[in-house]
């Protein structure tokens, strides 16, 4: 874990990645999306004098690892932030026939490049998909990728936000209706996890249990699953079969380091 004094001295942060880091399904006041990275930036900015903390978010939904390497990492060489969060490869792992060993090799090459241009790098493990229809069959691939990510972090002195072991994020309430992107509360839990991985003390524990709620009947769950498949799963699969991405024609929401 990072030393807390080192973390409090951070004055700039750039976030790299895909829809997870862009913050999809966490509405922002400006009509766009906030997300865990924006929330983490806010926590870091609170520990600096007003106007002295700068933040960029280069993440774009749908991006594969190689696209992130080509489009986003060169900007880090120009910005030279104190902190970079690099959460990537999830879209690659979801693709049929992908090899987590090969994806991990490319991920580590990118991490080594980042370490030349920034003071600290934080990476995220993949989520445990045991309770997600369809994606639960990819659990073994994700677990294999996660083992690689932890070894990469050890070899390259990276902080790790371990999403796999955060059990509260497996709750239905941590996810939006599409079950592919986090809800606002889910993003908040990830932001808290990332902050703690960097050595920040937080008032709330990301692993704090959710309030109890009435159990859902089997019939209710079946109806919800059918509705989700029709409104979210089938369109998502269709886009992938057509080679389309939700990030086509989307630009980074915060491409420059600007004060918070």
C-alpha atoms as a PDB file:
ATOM      1  CA  UNK A   1       0.000   0.000   0.000  1.00  0.00           C
ATOM      2  CA  UNK A   2       1.254   3.499  -0.808  1.00  0.00           C
ATOM      3  CA  UNK A   3       2.483   5.753   1.946  1.00  0.00           C
ATOM      4  CA  UNK A   4      -0.296   8.171   2.898  1.00  0.00           C
ATOM      5  CA  UNK A   5       1.963  11.247   2.874  1.00  0.00           C
ATOM      6  CA  UNK A   6       3.085  10.370  -0.652  1.00  0.00           C
ATOM      7  CA  UNK A   7      -0.552  10.095  -1.734  1.00  0.00           C
ATOM      8  CA  UNK A   8      -1.532  13.409  -0.184  1.00  0.00           C
ATOM      9  CA  UNK A   9       1.263  15.100  -2.141  1.00  0.00           C
ATOM     10  CA  UNK A  10      -0.250  14.115  -5.492  1.00  0.00           C
ATOM     11  CA  UNK A  11      -1.108  17.162  -7.568  1.00  0.00           C
ATOM     12  CA  UNK A  12      -2.230  15.579 -10.865  1.00  0.00           C
ATOM     13  CA  UNK A  13      -4.068  12.445 -11.978  1.00  0.00           C
ATOM     14  CA  UNK A  14      -4.982  10.965 -15.367  1.00  0.00           C
ATOM     15  CA  UNK A  15      -7.378   8.046 -15.833  1.00  0.00           C
ATOM     16  CA  UNK A  16      -7.050   5.609 -18.747  1.00  0.00           C
ATOM     17  CA  UNK A  17      -9.432   2.888 -19.860  1.00  0.00           C
ATOM     18  CA  UNK A  18     -12.832   2.027 -21.288  1.00  0.00           C
ATOM     19  CA  UNK A  19     -16.462   2.528 -20.191  1.00  0.00           C
ATOM     20  CA  UNK A  20     -15.668   1.394 -16.648  1.00  0.00           C
ATOM     21  CA  UNK A  21     -13.325   4.351 -16.148  1.00  0.00           C
ATOM     22  CA  UNK A  22     -15.292   6.746 -18.337  1.00  0.00           C
ATOM     23  CA  UNK A  23     -18.021   6.269 -15.749  1.00  0.00           C
ATOM     24  CA  UNK A  24     -20.974   5.000 -17.747  1.00  0.00           C
ATOM     25  CA  UNK A  25     -24.346   4.982 -15.975  1.00  0.00           C
ATOM     26  CA  UNK A  26     -23.196   7.315 -13.204  1.00  0.00           C
ATOM     27  CA  UNK A  27     -24.909  10.588 -14.242  1.00  0.00           C
ATOM     28  CA  UNK A  28     -22.913  13.788 -13.789  1.00  0.00           C
ATOM     29  CA  UNK A  29     -24.430  17.247 -13.172  1.00  0.00           C
ATOM     30  CA  UNK A  30     -23.343  18.398 -16.654  1.00  0.00           C
ATOM     31  CA  UNK A  31     -25.432  15.701 -18.336  1.00  0.00           C
ATOM     32  CA  UNK A  32     -22.486  13.381 -19.011  1.00  0.00           C
ATOM     33  CA  UNK A  33     -21.076  10.664 -16.812  1.00  0.00           C
ATOM     34  CA  UNK A  34     -19.033  10.879 -13.625  1.00  0.00           C
ATOM     35  CA  UNK A  35     -17.821   7.455 -12.439  1.00  0.00           C
ATOM     36  CA  UNK A  36     -15.347   6.101  -9.951  1.00  0.00           C
ATOM     37  CA  UNK A  37     -12.326   7.886 -11.466  1.00  0.00           C
ATOM     38  CA  UNK A  38     -14.023  11.288 -11.202  1.00  0.00           C
ATOM     39  CA  UNK A  39     -15.024  10.458  -7.659  1.00  0.00           C
ATOM     40  CA  UNK A  40     -11.452   9.417  -6.797  1.00  0.00           C
ATOM     41  CA  UNK A  41     -10.147  12.639  -8.315  1.00  0.00           C
ATOM     42  CA  UNK A  42     -12.522  14.551  -6.064  1.00  0.00           C
ATOM     43  CA  UNK A  43     -11.186  12.763  -2.992  1.00  0.00           C
ATOM     44  CA  UNK A  44      -7.617  13.572  -3.997  1.00  0.00           C
ATOM     45  CA  UNK A  45      -8.466  17.211  -4.750  1.00  0.00           C
ATOM     46  CA  UNK A  46      -9.966  17.639  -1.275  1.00  0.00           C
ATOM     47  CA  UNK A  47      -6.506  17.038   0.166  1.00  0.00           C
ATOM     48  CA  UNK A  48      -4.913  19.867  -1.834  1.00  0.00           C
ATOM     49  CA  UNK A  49      -5.379  23.650  -1.722  1.00  0.00           C
ATOM     50  CA  UNK A  50      -8.150  24.889  -4.001  1.00  0.00           C
ATOM     51  CA  UNK A  51      -7.159  24.889  -7.659  1.00  0.00           C
ATOM     52  CA  UNK A  52      -3.899  23.007  -7.119  1.00  0.00           C
ATOM     53  CA  UNK A  53      -5.094  19.536  -8.150  1.00  0.00           C
ATOM     54  CA  UNK A  54      -5.401  18.735 -11.869  1.00  0.00           C
ATOM     55  CA  UNK A  55      -7.315  15.845 -13.426  1.00  0.00           C
ATOM     56  CA  UNK A  56      -7.748  14.309 -16.895  1.00  0.00           C
ATOM     57  CA  UNK A  57      -9.937  11.368 -17.923  1.00  0.00           C
ATOM     58  CA  UNK A  58      -8.963   9.878 -21.296  1.00  0.00           C
ATOM     59  CA  UNK A  59     -11.128   6.743 -21.040  1.00  0.00           C
ATOM     60  CA  UNK A  60     -13.567   5.961 -23.853  1.00  0.00           C
ATOM     61  CA  UNK A  61     -16.278   3.298 -23.804  1.00  0.00           C
ATOM     62  CA  UNK A  62     -15.751   0.133 -25.829  1.00  0.00           C
ATOM     63  CA  UNK A  63     -11.987   0.513 -26.151  1.00  0.00           C
ATOM     64  CA  UNK A  64      -9.836  -2.606 -26.401  1.00  0.00           C
ATOM     65  CA  UNK A  65      -6.412  -2.743 -24.780  1.00  0.00           C
ATOM     66  CA  UNK A  66      -4.459  -2.059 -27.974  1.00  0.00           C
ATOM     67  CA  UNK A  67      -6.671   0.949 -28.738  1.00  0.00           C
ATOM     68  CA  UNK A  68      -6.011   2.356 -25.280  1.00  0.00           C
ATOM     69  CA  UNK A  69      -2.276   1.861 -25.785  1.00  0.00           C
ATOM     70  CA  UNK A  70      -2.329   3.679 -29.133  1.00  0.00           C
ATOM     71  CA  UNK A  71      -4.797   6.454 -28.293  1.00  0.00           C
ATOM     72  CA  UNK A  72      -4.341   7.197 -24.602  1.00  0.00           C
ATOM     73  CA  UNK A  73      -0.863   6.259 -23.395  1.00  0.00           C
ATOM     74  CA  UNK A  74       0.951   8.736 -25.699  1.00  0.00           C
ATOM     75  CA  UNK A  75      -0.993  11.506 -23.962  1.00  0.00           C
ATOM     76  CA  UNK A  76       0.521  10.418 -20.648  1.00  0.00           C
ATOM     77  CA  UNK A  77       3.992  11.077 -22.026  1.00  0.00           C
ATOM     78  CA  UNK A  78       2.833  14.634 -22.708  1.00  0.00           C
ATOM     79  CA  UNK A  79       0.852  15.221 -19.493  1.00  0.00           C
ATOM     80  CA  UNK A  80       3.286  13.498 -17.062  1.00  0.00           C
ATOM     81  CA  UNK A  81       0.763  13.242 -14.198  1.00  0.00           C
ATOM     82  CA  UNK A  82       1.721  12.190 -10.681  1.00  0.00           C
ATOM     83  CA  UNK A  83      -0.831   9.349 -10.788  1.00  0.00           C
ATOM     84  CA  UNK A  84      -2.292   7.203 -13.571  1.00  0.00           C
ATOM     85  CA  UNK A  85      -5.063   4.652 -13.173  1.00  0.00           C
ATOM     86  CA  UNK A  86      -4.864   2.041 -15.915  1.00  0.00           C
ATOM     87  CA  UNK A  87      -7.797  -0.390 -16.021  1.00  0.00           C
ATOM     88  CA  UNK A  88      -7.903  -2.184 -19.358  1.00  0.00           C
ATOM     89  CA  UNK A  89      -8.233  -5.561 -21.032  1.00  0.00           C
ATOM     90  CA  UNK A  90     -11.739  -6.377 -19.841  1.00  0.00           C
ATOM     91  CA  UNK A  91     -13.268  -5.919 -23.295  1.00  0.00           C
ATOM     92  CA  UNK A  92     -10.520  -8.115 -24.736  1.00  0.00           C
ATOM     93  CA  UNK A  93     -11.220 -10.892 -22.234  1.00  0.00           C
ATOM     94  CA  UNK A  94     -14.930 -10.833 -23.150  1.00  0.00           C
ATOM     95  CA  UNK A  95     -14.159 -11.525 -26.812  1.00  0.00           C
ATOM     96  CA  UNK A  96     -14.573 -15.162 -27.920  1.00  0.00           C
ATOM     97  CA  UNK A  97     -11.258 -16.940 -28.312  1.00  0.00           C
ATOM     98  CA  UNK A  98      -9.197 -14.337 -26.462  1.00  0.00           C
ATOM     99  CA  UNK A  99      -6.215 -15.594 -24.469  1.00  0.00           C
ATOM    100  CA  UNK A 100      -5.754 -13.942 -21.033  1.00  0.00           C
ATOM    101  CA  UNK A 101      -2.042 -14.847 -21.082  1.00  0.00           C
ATOM    102  CA  UNK A 102      -1.511 -12.907 -24.309  1.00  0.00           C
ATOM    103  CA  UNK A 103      -3.632  -9.959 -23.152  1.00  0.00           C
ATOM    104  CA  UNK A 104      -1.606  -9.811 -19.939  1.00  0.00           C
ATOM    105  CA  UNK A 105       1.676  -9.647 -21.862  1.00  0.00           C
ATOM    106  CA  UNK A 106       0.448  -6.602 -23.775  1.00  0.00           C
ATOM    107  CA  UNK A 107      -0.881  -5.074 -20.563  1.00  0.00           C
ATOM    108  CA  UNK A 108       2.501  -5.356 -18.857  1.00  0.00           C
ATOM    109  CA  UNK A 109       4.269  -3.757 -21.811  1.00  0.00           C
ATOM    110  CA  UNK A 110       1.878  -0.827 -21.469  1.00  0.00           C
ATOM    111  CA  UNK A 111       2.470  -0.598 -17.712  1.00  0.00           C
ATOM    112  CA  UNK A 112       6.225  -0.426 -18.263  1.00  0.00           C
ATOM    113  CA  UNK A 113       5.709   2.404 -20.714  1.00  0.00           C
ATOM    114  CA  UNK A 114       3.493   4.262 -18.262  1.00  0.00           C
ATOM    115  CA  UNK A 115       6.018   3.913 -15.452  1.00  0.00           C
ATOM    116  CA  UNK A 116       8.442   6.005 -17.517  1.00  0.00           C
ATOM    117  CA  UNK A 117       6.078   8.996 -17.532  1.00  0.00           C
ATOM    118  CA  UNK A 118       4.301   9.003 -14.188  1.00  0.00           C
ATOM    119  CA  UNK A 119       5.066   8.705 -10.513  1.00  0.00           C
ATOM    120  CA  UNK A 120       2.433   6.126  -9.545  1.00  0.00           C
ATOM    121  CA  UNK A 121       0.278   3.636 -11.446  1.00  0.00           C
ATOM    122  CA  UNK A 122      -2.847   1.985 -10.056  1.00  0.00           C
ATOM    123  CA  UNK A 123      -4.442  -0.970 -11.843  1.00  0.00           C
ATOM    124  CA  UNK A 124      -7.727  -2.808 -11.247  1.00  0.00           C
ATOM    125  CA  UNK A 125      -8.435  -6.515 -11.290  1.00  0.00           C
ATOM    126  CA  UNK A 126     -11.490  -7.794 -13.129  1.00  0.00           C
ATOM    127  CA  UNK A 127     -14.863  -8.315 -11.480  1.00  0.00           C
ATOM    128  CA  UNK A 128     -16.056 -11.697 -10.271  1.00  0.00           C
ATOM    129  CA  UNK A 129     -18.915 -12.529 -12.679  1.00  0.00           C
ATOM    130  CA  UNK A 130     -20.267 -15.549 -10.824  1.00  0.00           C
ATOM    131  CA  UNK A 131     -23.766 -14.059 -10.598  1.00  0.00           C
ATOM    132  CA  UNK A 132     -23.976 -12.495 -14.065  1.00  0.00           C
ATOM    133  CA  UNK A 133     -25.911 -14.437 -16.728  1.00  0.00           C
ATOM    134  CA  UNK A 134     -23.738 -15.356 -19.719  1.00  0.00           C
ATOM    135  CA  UNK A 135     -20.627 -13.645 -18.287  1.00  0.00           C
ATOM    136  CA  UNK A 136     -20.385 -16.159 -15.455  1.00  0.00           C
ATOM    137  CA  UNK A 137     -19.000 -18.629 -17.997  1.00  0.00           C
ATOM    138  CA  UNK A 138     -15.994 -16.330 -18.442  1.00  0.00           C
ATOM    139  CA  UNK A 139     -15.122 -16.438 -14.753  1.00  0.00           C
ATOM    140  CA  UNK A 140     -12.137 -18.726 -15.296  1.00  0.00           C
ATOM    141  CA  UNK A 141     -10.625 -16.449 -17.954  1.00  0.00           C
ATOM    142  CA  UNK A 142     -11.085 -13.409 -15.749  1.00  0.00           C
ATOM    143  CA  UNK A 143      -9.492 -15.177 -12.788  1.00  0.00           C
ATOM    144  CA  UNK A 144      -6.495 -16.157 -14.920  1.00  0.00           C
ATOM    145  CA  UNK A 145      -6.108 -12.569 -16.108  1.00  0.00           C
ATOM    146  CA  UNK A 146      -6.301 -11.343 -12.524  1.00  0.00           C
ATOM    147  CA  UNK A 147      -3.441 -13.599 -11.439  1.00  0.00           C
ATOM    148  CA  UNK A 148      -1.329 -12.028 -14.170  1.00  0.00           C
ATOM    149  CA  UNK A 149      -2.381  -8.512 -13.146  1.00  0.00           C
ATOM    150  CA  UNK A 150      -1.285  -9.035  -9.551  1.00  0.00           C
ATOM    151  CA  UNK A 151       2.094 -10.350 -10.689  1.00  0.00           C
ATOM    152  CA  UNK A 152       2.455  -7.388 -13.059  1.00  0.00           C
ATOM    153  CA  UNK A 153       1.692  -5.015 -10.207  1.00  0.00           C
ATOM    154  CA  UNK A 154       4.338  -6.670  -8.019  1.00  0.00           C
ATOM    155  CA  UNK A 155       6.984  -6.529 -10.728  1.00  0.00           C
ATOM    156  CA  UNK A 156       6.281  -2.905 -11.628  1.00  0.00           C
ATOM    157  CA  UNK A 157       5.454  -1.409  -8.215  1.00  0.00           C
ATOM    158  CA  UNK A 158       1.808  -0.640  -8.995  1.00  0.00           C
ATOM    159  CA  UNK A 159      -1.042  -0.183  -6.562  1.00  0.00           C
ATOM    160  CA  UNK A 160      -3.973  -2.595  -7.037  1.00  0.00           C
ATOM    161  CA  UNK A 161      -7.693  -2.026  -6.575  1.00  0.00           C
ATOM    162  CA  UNK A 162      -8.858  -5.629  -6.180  1.00  0.00           C
ATOM    163  CA  UNK A 163     -12.382  -5.644  -7.592  1.00  0.00           C
ATOM    164  CA  UNK A 164     -12.555  -9.440  -7.614  1.00  0.00           C
ATOM    165  CA  UNK A 165     -12.390  -9.670  -3.813  1.00  0.00           C
ATOM    166  CA  UNK A 166     -14.785  -6.765  -3.168  1.00  0.00           C
ATOM    167  CA  UNK A 167     -17.865  -8.826  -2.351  1.00  0.00           C
ATOM    168  CA  UNK A 168     -20.205  -5.860  -1.988  1.00  0.00           C
ATOM    169  CA  UNK A 169     -19.770  -5.091  -5.670  1.00  0.00           C
ATOM    170  CA  UNK A 170     -21.468  -8.403  -6.459  1.00  0.00           C
ATOM    171  CA  UNK A 171     -24.740  -7.061  -5.067  1.00  0.00           C
ATOM    172  CA  UNK A 172     -27.405  -6.269  -7.673  1.00  0.00           C
ATOM    173  CA  UNK A 173     -27.570  -2.690  -6.393  1.00  0.00           C
ATOM    174  CA  UNK A 174     -23.965  -2.068  -7.428  1.00  0.00           C
ATOM    175  CA  UNK A 175     -24.968  -2.435 -11.080  1.00  0.00           C
ATOM    176  CA  UNK A 176     -27.167  -0.445 -13.415  1.00  0.00           C
ATOM    177  CA  UNK A 177     -30.040  -1.947 -15.391  1.00  0.00           C
ATOM    178  CA  UNK A 178     -27.776  -3.165 -18.189  1.00  0.00           C
ATOM    179  CA  UNK A 179     -25.736  -5.286 -15.693  1.00  0.00           C
ATOM    180  CA  UNK A 180     -22.607  -4.350 -17.652  1.00  0.00           C
ATOM    181  CA  UNK A 181     -21.898  -1.003 -16.015  1.00  0.00           C
ATOM    182  CA  UNK A 182     -21.907   0.080 -12.399  1.00  0.00           C
ATOM    183  CA  UNK A 183     -24.630   2.073 -10.706  1.00  0.00           C
ATOM    184  CA  UNK A 184     -23.705   5.376  -8.995  1.00  0.00           C
ATOM    185  CA  UNK A 185     -23.353   3.542  -5.673  1.00  0.00           C
ATOM    186  CA  UNK A 186     -21.221   0.892  -7.364  1.00  0.00           C
ATOM    187  CA  UNK A 187     -18.924   3.580  -8.754  1.00  0.00           C
ATOM    188  CA  UNK A 188     -18.662   5.104  -5.282  1.00  0.00           C
ATOM    189  CA  UNK A 189     -17.593   1.779  -3.794  1.00  0.00           C
ATOM    190  CA  UNK A 190     -14.889   1.371  -6.432  1.00  0.00           C
ATOM    191  CA  UNK A 191     -13.672   4.930  -5.821  1.00  0.00           C
ATOM    192  CA  UNK A 192     -13.345   4.156  -2.112  1.00  0.00           C
ATOM    193  CA  UNK A 193     -11.491   0.930  -2.903  1.00  0.00           C
ATOM    194  CA  UNK A 194      -9.064   2.768  -5.189  1.00  0.00           C
ATOM    195  CA  UNK A 195      -8.522   5.497  -2.594  1.00  0.00           C
ATOM    196  CA  UNK A 196      -7.632   2.922   0.040  1.00  0.00           C
ATOM    197  CA  UNK A 197      -5.302   1.150  -2.390  1.00  0.00           C
ATOM    198  CA  UNK A 198      -3.436   4.457  -2.670  1.00  0.00           C
ATOM    199  CA  UNK A 199      -3.221   4.810   1.095  1.00  0.00           C
ATOM    200  CA  UNK A 200      -6.026   7.297   1.704  1.00  0.00           C
ATOM    201  CA  UNK A 201      -8.185   6.988   4.775  1.00  0.00           C
ATOM    202  CA  UNK A 202     -11.895   7.025   3.851  1.00  0.00           C
ATOM    203  CA  UNK A 203     -14.895   7.560   6.083  1.00  0.00           C
ATOM    204  CA  UNK A 204     -16.789   4.667   4.497  1.00  0.00           C
ATOM    205  CA  UNK A 205     -15.478   1.155   3.990  1.00  0.00           C
ATOM    206  CA  UNK A 206     -16.153  -0.044   0.405  1.00  0.00           C
ATOM    207  CA  UNK A 207     -16.862  -3.472   1.893  1.00  0.00           C
ATOM    208  CA  UNK A 208     -19.578  -2.135   4.206  1.00  0.00           C
ATOM    209  CA  UNK A 209     -22.654  -4.397   3.834  1.00  0.00           C
ATOM    210  CA  UNK A 210     -25.663  -3.141   1.921  1.00  0.00           C
ATOM    211  CA  UNK A 211     -28.905  -2.537   3.821  1.00  0.00           C
ATOM    212  CA  UNK A 212     -31.130  -5.587   3.981  1.00  0.00           C
ATOM    213  CA  UNK A 213     -33.859  -5.793   1.352  1.00  0.00           C
ATOM    214  CA  UNK A 214     -36.734  -8.236   0.822  1.00  0.00           C
ATOM    215  CA  UNK A 215     -35.676 -11.331  -1.163  1.00  0.00           C
ATOM    216  CA  UNK A 216     -36.801 -11.634  -4.769  1.00  0.00           C
ATOM    217  CA  UNK A 217     -38.966 -14.579  -5.778  1.00  0.00           C
ATOM    218  CA  UNK A 218     -37.859 -16.969  -8.504  1.00  0.00           C
ATOM    219  CA  UNK A 219     -40.624 -15.631 -10.753  1.00  0.00           C
ATOM    220  CA  UNK A 220     -39.462 -12.038 -10.272  1.00  0.00           C
ATOM    221  CA  UNK A 221     -35.893 -12.991 -11.109  1.00  0.00           C
ATOM    222  CA  UNK A 222     -36.996 -14.801 -14.272  1.00  0.00           C
ATOM    223  CA  UNK A 223     -38.994 -11.763 -15.434  1.00  0.00           C
ATOM    224  CA  UNK A 224     -36.060  -9.465 -14.728  1.00  0.00           C
ATOM    225  CA  UNK A 225     -33.665 -11.734 -16.598  1.00  0.00           C
ATOM    226  CA  UNK A 226     -35.941 -11.917 -19.634  1.00  0.00           C
ATOM    227  CA  UNK A 227     -36.387  -8.134 -19.677  1.00  0.00           C
ATOM    228  CA  UNK A 228     -32.628  -7.605 -19.336  1.00  0.00           C
ATOM    229  CA  UNK A 229     -31.880 -10.059 -22.153  1.00  0.00           C
ATOM    230  CA  UNK A 230     -34.328  -8.336 -24.506  1.00  0.00           C
ATOM    231  CA  UNK A 231     -33.403  -4.720 -23.724  1.00  0.00           C
ATOM    232  CA  UNK A 232     -29.671  -4.972 -23.035  1.00  0.00           C
ATOM    233  CA  UNK A 233     -28.037  -8.328 -23.757  1.00  0.00           C
ATOM    234  CA  UNK A 234     -29.317  -8.931 -27.298  1.00  0.00           C
ATOM    235  CA  UNK A 235     -28.483  -5.386 -28.519  1.00  0.00           C
ATOM    236  CA  UNK A 236     -25.004  -5.697 -26.974  1.00  0.00           C
ATOM    237  CA  UNK A 237     -24.377  -9.055 -28.663  1.00  0.00           C
ATOM    238  CA  UNK A 238     -25.714  -7.674 -31.930  1.00  0.00           C
ATOM    239  CA  UNK A 239     -23.277  -4.757 -31.879  1.00  0.00           C
ATOM    240  CA  UNK A 240     -20.381  -7.117 -31.273  1.00  0.00           C
ATOM    241  CA  UNK A 241     -21.417  -9.438 -34.122  1.00  0.00           C
ATOM    242  CA  UNK A 242     -21.565  -6.412 -36.447  1.00  0.00           C
ATOM    243  CA  UNK A 243     -18.138  -5.257 -35.277  1.00  0.00           C
ATOM    244  CA  UNK A 244     -19.595  -2.070 -33.823  1.00  0.00           C
ATOM    245  CA  UNK A 245     -18.561  -0.375 -30.601  1.00  0.00           C
ATOM    246  CA  UNK A 246     -20.494   1.920 -28.297  1.00  0.00           C
ATOM    247  CA  UNK A 247     -17.396   4.122 -28.368  1.00  0.00           C
ATOM    248  CA  UNK A 248     -17.456   4.772 -32.102  1.00  0.00           C
ATOM    249  CA  UNK A 249     -17.243   8.541 -32.615  1.00  0.00           C
ATOM    250  CA  UNK A 250     -16.932   9.167 -28.842  1.00  0.00           C
ATOM    251  CA  UNK A 251     -14.155  11.450 -27.596  1.00  0.00           C
ATOM    252  CA  UNK A 252     -12.515  11.523 -24.178  1.00  0.00           C
ATOM    253  CA  UNK A 253     -14.593  13.623 -21.804  1.00  0.00           C
ATOM    254  CA  UNK A 254     -11.644  15.360 -20.119  1.00  0.00           C
ATOM    255  CA  UNK A 255      -8.578  15.120 -22.388  1.00  0.00           C
ATOM    256  CA  UNK A 256      -6.461  17.743 -20.620  1.00  0.00           C
ATOM    257  CA  UNK A 257      -5.253  18.102 -17.045  1.00  0.00           C
ATOM    258  CA  UNK A 258      -7.613  20.717 -15.666  1.00  0.00           C
ATOM    259  CA  UNK A 259      -8.011  21.953 -12.089  1.00  0.00           C
ATOM    260  CA  UNK A 260     -10.816  20.542  -9.955  1.00  0.00           C
END
